[in-house]
N, C-alpha and C. Protein backbone atom coordinates (compact mmCIF):
# COMPACT_ATOMS: atom_id res chain seq x y z
N UNK A 1 22.11 -18.18 -54.06
CA UNK A 1 21.69 -16.73 -53.97
C UNK A 1 22.43 -15.80 -54.85
N UNK A 2 21.76 -14.86 -55.35
CA UNK A 2 22.69 -13.97 -56.17
C UNK A 2 22.25 -12.27 -55.33
N UNK A 3 23.08 -11.77 -55.37
CA UNK A 3 23.39 -10.27 -54.77
C UNK A 3 22.60 -9.40 -55.95
N UNK A 4 21.54 -8.61 -55.43
CA UNK A 4 20.86 -7.75 -56.51
C UNK A 4 20.99 -6.43 -55.95
N UNK A 5 21.27 -6.37 -54.85
CA UNK A 5 21.59 -4.62 -54.05
C UNK A 5 22.54 -4.85 -53.13
N UNK A 6 23.40 -3.80 -53.20
CA UNK A 6 24.54 -3.58 -52.04
C UNK A 6 24.60 -2.10 -51.38
N UNK A 7 24.74 -2.06 -50.12
CA UNK A 7 24.71 -1.18 -49.62
C UNK A 7 25.69 -1.08 -48.55
N UNK A 8 25.91 -0.01 -47.85
CA UNK A 8 26.58 0.32 -46.46
C UNK A 8 25.45 0.25 -45.28
N UNK A 9 24.35 0.64 -45.57
CA UNK A 9 23.37 0.78 -44.56
C UNK A 9 22.50 -0.43 -44.36
N UNK A 10 22.46 -1.09 -43.19
CA UNK A 10 21.39 -2.22 -43.26
C UNK A 10 20.05 -1.71 -43.57
N UNK A 11 19.56 -0.47 -43.01
CA UNK A 11 18.00 -0.06 -43.26
C UNK A 11 17.76 -0.11 -44.48
N UNK A 12 18.62 0.58 -45.39
CA UNK A 12 18.39 0.57 -46.72
C UNK A 12 18.35 -0.79 -47.68
N UNK A 13 19.09 -1.95 -47.04
CA UNK A 13 18.74 -3.29 -47.54
C UNK A 13 17.52 -3.77 -47.15
N UNK A 14 17.32 -3.43 -45.81
CA UNK A 14 16.10 -4.15 -45.42
C UNK A 14 14.60 -3.47 -45.92
N UNK A 15 15.15 -2.26 -46.34
CA UNK A 15 13.86 -1.37 -47.27
C UNK A 15 13.57 -2.30 -48.63
N UNK A 16 14.84 -2.41 -49.27
CA UNK A 16 14.97 -3.17 -50.71
C UNK A 16 14.26 -4.42 -50.52
N UNK A 17 14.78 -5.20 -49.49
CA UNK A 17 14.33 -6.46 -49.28
C UNK A 17 12.58 -6.63 -48.99
N UNK A 18 12.13 -5.30 -48.27
CA UNK A 18 10.56 -5.66 -48.03
C UNK A 18 9.99 -5.12 -49.39
N UNK A 19 10.57 -4.38 -50.28
CA UNK A 19 10.00 -3.96 -51.40
C UNK A 19 9.85 -5.53 -52.40
N UNK A 20 11.14 -5.99 -52.25
CA UNK A 20 10.91 -7.22 -53.11
C UNK A 20 10.10 -8.20 -52.88
N UNK A 21 9.83 -8.55 -51.60
CA UNK A 21 9.00 -9.24 -50.72
C UNK A 21 7.37 -9.14 -50.95
N UNK A 22 7.37 -7.82 -51.03
CA UNK A 22 5.99 -7.09 -51.42
C UNK A 22 5.48 -7.23 -52.60
N UNK A 23 6.50 -7.29 -53.46
CA UNK A 23 6.32 -7.93 -55.11
C UNK A 23 6.43 -9.04 -55.49
N UNK A 24 6.29 -10.02 -54.38
CA UNK A 24 6.29 -11.56 -54.40
C UNK A 24 7.54 -12.15 -54.82
N UNK A 25 8.85 -11.40 -54.67
CA UNK A 25 9.89 -12.03 -55.00
C UNK A 25 10.56 -12.41 -53.50
N UNK A 26 10.81 -13.45 -53.18
CA UNK A 26 11.51 -13.80 -51.87
C UNK A 26 13.18 -13.62 -51.96
N UNK A 27 13.44 -12.61 -50.84
CA UNK A 27 14.75 -12.12 -50.65
C UNK A 27 15.00 -12.00 -49.19
N UNK A 28 16.46 -11.85 -49.18
CA UNK A 28 16.96 -12.08 -47.71
C UNK A 28 18.04 -10.72 -47.45
N UNK A 29 18.30 -10.40 -46.52
CA UNK A 29 19.41 -9.46 -46.25
C UNK A 29 20.46 -10.23 -45.64
N UNK A 30 21.62 -10.19 -46.06
CA UNK A 30 23.03 -10.75 -45.46
C UNK A 30 24.11 -9.72 -45.19
N UNK A 31 24.68 -9.79 -44.11
CA UNK A 31 25.67 -8.78 -43.79
C UNK A 31 25.17 -7.60 -42.88
N UNK A 32 23.73 -7.68 -42.51
CA UNK A 32 23.49 -6.41 -41.75
C UNK A 32 24.28 -6.25 -40.18
N UNK A 33 24.39 -7.39 -39.80
CA UNK A 33 25.35 -7.62 -38.56
C UNK A 33 26.65 -6.76 -38.66
N UNK A 34 27.35 -6.74 -39.89
CA UNK A 34 28.74 -6.37 -40.14
C UNK A 34 28.51 -4.89 -39.82
N UNK A 35 27.43 -4.20 -39.96
CA UNK A 35 27.53 -2.63 -39.72
C UNK A 35 27.94 -2.20 -38.26
N UNK A 36 27.27 -3.09 -37.55
CA UNK A 36 27.49 -2.95 -35.85
C UNK A 36 28.89 -3.17 -35.47
N UNK A 37 29.51 -4.08 -35.83
CA UNK A 37 30.73 -4.51 -35.66
C UNK A 37 31.87 -3.79 -36.29
N UNK A 38 31.45 -3.22 -37.14
CA UNK A 38 32.50 -2.15 -38.09
C UNK A 38 32.80 -0.82 -37.24
N UNK A 39 31.69 -0.38 -36.47
CA UNK A 39 31.89 0.67 -35.80
C UNK A 39 32.44 1.62 -36.78
N UNK A 40 33.52 2.47 -36.37
CA UNK A 40 34.02 3.52 -37.11
C UNK A 40 34.91 3.03 -38.46
N UNK A 41 35.02 1.80 -38.61
CA UNK A 41 35.48 1.62 -39.97
C UNK A 41 34.78 1.19 -40.83
N UNK A 42 34.88 1.91 -42.11
CA UNK A 42 34.26 1.74 -43.26
C UNK A 42 34.19 0.16 -43.84
N UNK A 43 33.06 -0.27 -44.05
CA UNK A 43 33.00 -1.74 -44.44
C UNK A 43 32.65 -1.70 -45.97
N UNK A 44 32.70 -0.41 -46.62
CA UNK A 44 32.12 -0.51 -47.90
C UNK A 44 30.71 -1.06 -47.95
N UNK A 45 30.25 -1.71 -48.90
CA UNK A 45 29.06 -1.72 -49.37
C UNK A 45 28.77 -3.85 -48.84
N UNK A 46 28.98 -3.73 -47.38
CA UNK A 46 28.88 -4.74 -47.14
C UNK A 46 27.45 -5.89 -46.90
N UNK A 47 26.48 -5.07 -46.76
CA UNK A 47 25.23 -5.31 -46.65
C UNK A 47 24.40 -5.60 -47.86
N UNK A 48 23.98 -6.89 -48.20
CA UNK A 48 23.76 -7.21 -49.52
C UNK A 48 22.36 -7.77 -49.46
N UNK A 49 21.39 -7.55 -50.52
CA UNK A 49 19.98 -8.18 -50.64
C UNK A 49 20.28 -9.29 -51.60
N UNK A 50 19.71 -10.47 -51.62
CA UNK A 50 20.05 -11.57 -52.35
C UNK A 50 18.64 -12.31 -52.52
N UNK A 51 18.73 -12.79 -53.79
CA UNK A 51 17.33 -13.67 -54.36
C UNK A 51 18.06 -14.94 -54.88
N UNK A 52 16.91 -15.70 -55.29
CA UNK A 52 17.36 -16.76 -55.99
C UNK A 52 18.04 -16.50 -57.45
N UNK A 53 18.86 -16.90 -57.81
CA UNK A 53 19.44 -16.38 -59.36
C UNK A 53 18.32 -16.48 -60.41
N UNK A 54 17.16 -17.39 -60.18
CA UNK A 54 16.22 -17.37 -61.61
C UNK A 54 15.42 -16.06 -61.21
N UNK A 55 15.34 -15.46 -60.10
CA UNK A 55 14.41 -14.29 -59.91
C UNK A 55 15.32 -12.99 -59.89
N UNK A 56 16.67 -13.24 -60.17
CA UNK A 56 17.40 -11.74 -60.12
C UNK A 56 17.48 -10.99 -61.01
N UNK A 57 16.82 -11.35 -62.44
CA UNK A 57 16.62 -10.00 -63.15
C UNK A 57 15.26 -9.50 -62.89
N UNK A 58 14.24 -10.15 -62.46
CA UNK A 58 12.90 -9.71 -62.05
C UNK A 58 13.22 -8.95 -60.97
N UNK A 59 14.02 -8.97 -59.93
CA UNK A 59 14.37 -8.40 -58.74
C UNK A 59 15.11 -7.12 -59.43
N UNK A 60 15.92 -7.05 -59.96
CA UNK A 60 16.72 -5.87 -60.17
C UNK A 60 15.89 -4.81 -60.96
N UNK A 61 14.70 -5.48 -61.86
CA UNK A 61 13.69 -4.64 -62.57
C UNK A 61 13.04 -3.81 -61.66
N UNK A 62 12.43 -4.45 -60.47
CA UNK A 62 11.65 -3.91 -59.48
C UNK A 62 12.45 -2.80 -58.73
N UNK A 63 13.84 -3.26 -58.51
CA UNK A 63 14.54 -2.20 -57.73
C UNK A 63 14.92 -0.77 -58.72
N UNK A 64 15.25 -1.24 -60.10
CA UNK A 64 15.22 -0.10 -60.94
C UNK A 64 14.05 0.92 -61.01
N UNK A 65 12.81 0.16 -60.99
CA UNK A 65 11.77 1.02 -61.42
C UNK A 65 11.50 1.58 -60.02
N UNK A 66 11.75 1.05 -58.70
CA UNK A 66 11.77 2.19 -57.48
C UNK A 66 12.54 2.90 -57.23
N UNK A 67 13.73 2.86 -57.79
CA UNK A 67 14.88 3.87 -57.59
C UNK A 67 14.65 5.19 -58.75
N UNK A 68 13.97 4.96 -59.78
CA UNK A 68 13.51 5.60 -60.49
C UNK A 68 12.18 6.50 -60.58
N UNK A 69 11.59 6.24 -59.49
CA UNK A 69 9.99 6.74 -59.02
C UNK A 69 10.43 8.29 -58.74
N UNK A 70 9.46 9.14 -59.18
CA UNK A 70 9.40 10.36 -58.80
C UNK A 70 9.10 10.54 -57.61
N UNK A 71 9.93 11.43 -56.97
CA UNK A 71 9.63 11.88 -55.23
C UNK A 71 8.71 13.16 -55.44
N UNK A 72 7.45 12.93 -54.60
CA UNK A 72 6.42 14.16 -54.72
C UNK A 72 7.26 15.40 -53.97
N UNK A 73 6.70 16.35 -54.46
CA UNK A 73 7.23 17.84 -53.77
C UNK A 73 6.30 17.73 -52.51
N UNK A 74 6.63 18.75 -51.65
CA UNK A 74 5.96 18.60 -50.51
C UNK A 74 4.50 19.24 -50.69
N UNK A 75 4.05 20.12 -51.52
CA UNK A 75 2.98 20.59 -51.94
C UNK A 75 2.12 19.27 -52.38
N UNK A 76 2.69 18.19 -53.15
CA UNK A 76 1.90 17.27 -53.68
C UNK A 76 1.66 16.12 -52.68
N UNK A 77 2.64 16.02 -51.88
CA UNK A 77 2.51 15.19 -50.67
C UNK A 77 1.48 15.42 -49.78
N UNK A 78 1.19 16.73 -49.53
CA UNK A 78 0.11 17.52 -48.68
C UNK A 78 -0.89 17.47 -49.44
N UNK A 79 -1.08 17.66 -50.67
CA UNK A 79 -2.56 17.29 -50.98
C UNK A 79 -2.96 15.97 -51.28
N UNK A 80 -2.00 14.93 -51.49
CA UNK A 80 -2.32 13.37 -51.36
C UNK A 80 -2.60 13.15 -49.66
N UNK A 81 -2.17 13.73 -48.83
CA UNK A 81 -2.50 13.21 -47.44
C UNK A 81 -3.65 13.98 -47.22
N UNK A 82 -4.24 15.17 -47.71
CA UNK A 82 -5.41 15.77 -47.43
C UNK A 82 -6.61 14.98 -48.26
N UNK A 83 -6.39 14.32 -49.31
CA UNK A 83 -7.16 13.67 -50.27
C UNK A 83 -7.50 12.38 -49.36
N UNK A 84 -6.77 11.94 -48.62
CA UNK A 84 -6.75 10.63 -47.79
C UNK A 84 -7.37 10.86 -46.60
N UNK A 85 -7.60 12.09 -46.23
CA UNK A 85 -8.06 12.53 -44.88
C UNK A 85 -7.06 12.42 -43.70
N UNK A 86 -5.62 12.79 -44.10
CA UNK A 86 -4.67 12.86 -43.33
C UNK A 86 -4.12 14.22 -42.82
N UNK A 87 -4.87 15.24 -43.47
CA UNK A 87 -4.25 16.66 -43.73
C UNK A 87 -4.01 17.22 -42.31
N UNK A 88 -3.47 18.67 -42.22
CA UNK A 88 -3.49 18.96 -41.00
C UNK A 88 -4.68 19.54 -40.32
N UNK A 89 -6.04 19.78 -40.85
CA UNK A 89 -7.09 20.09 -40.32
C UNK A 89 -7.90 18.76 -40.01
N UNK A 90 -7.42 17.69 -39.98
CA UNK A 90 -7.93 16.40 -39.77
C UNK A 90 -7.18 15.64 -38.70
N UNK A 91 -6.97 15.79 -37.40
CA UNK A 91 -6.01 15.50 -36.68
C UNK A 91 -6.72 13.77 -36.41
N UNK A 92 -5.33 13.31 -36.26
CA UNK A 92 -6.15 11.71 -35.73
C UNK A 92 -7.04 11.54 -34.43
N UNK A 93 -7.97 10.65 -34.67
CA UNK A 93 -8.78 10.65 -33.92
C UNK A 93 -8.27 9.92 -32.54
N UNK A 94 -8.65 10.56 -31.10
CA UNK A 94 -8.23 10.17 -30.00
C UNK A 94 -9.01 8.86 -29.36
N UNK A 95 -8.16 7.91 -28.54
CA UNK A 95 -9.27 6.87 -27.97
C UNK A 95 -9.69 7.15 -27.07
């Protein structure tokens, strides 16, 4: 397995792993338990997302595209939510 992403936070690694899996690239997170045993000791980028070597370039391209995506402004996000019927004027249906 080849490392395509390193971080010190397990939830970042899991998010990237989920991104890759949803794009059809099998991936796994290694080292996520090190964060909990490290406590106050900085462990650096000990949590890694790994893929098969043949899929590493593809995985890195997916990660790079995700990292370069524009983050919508609050107004843009509100407009998208409103268009999807999730705006403040449309509370969720209760059971």
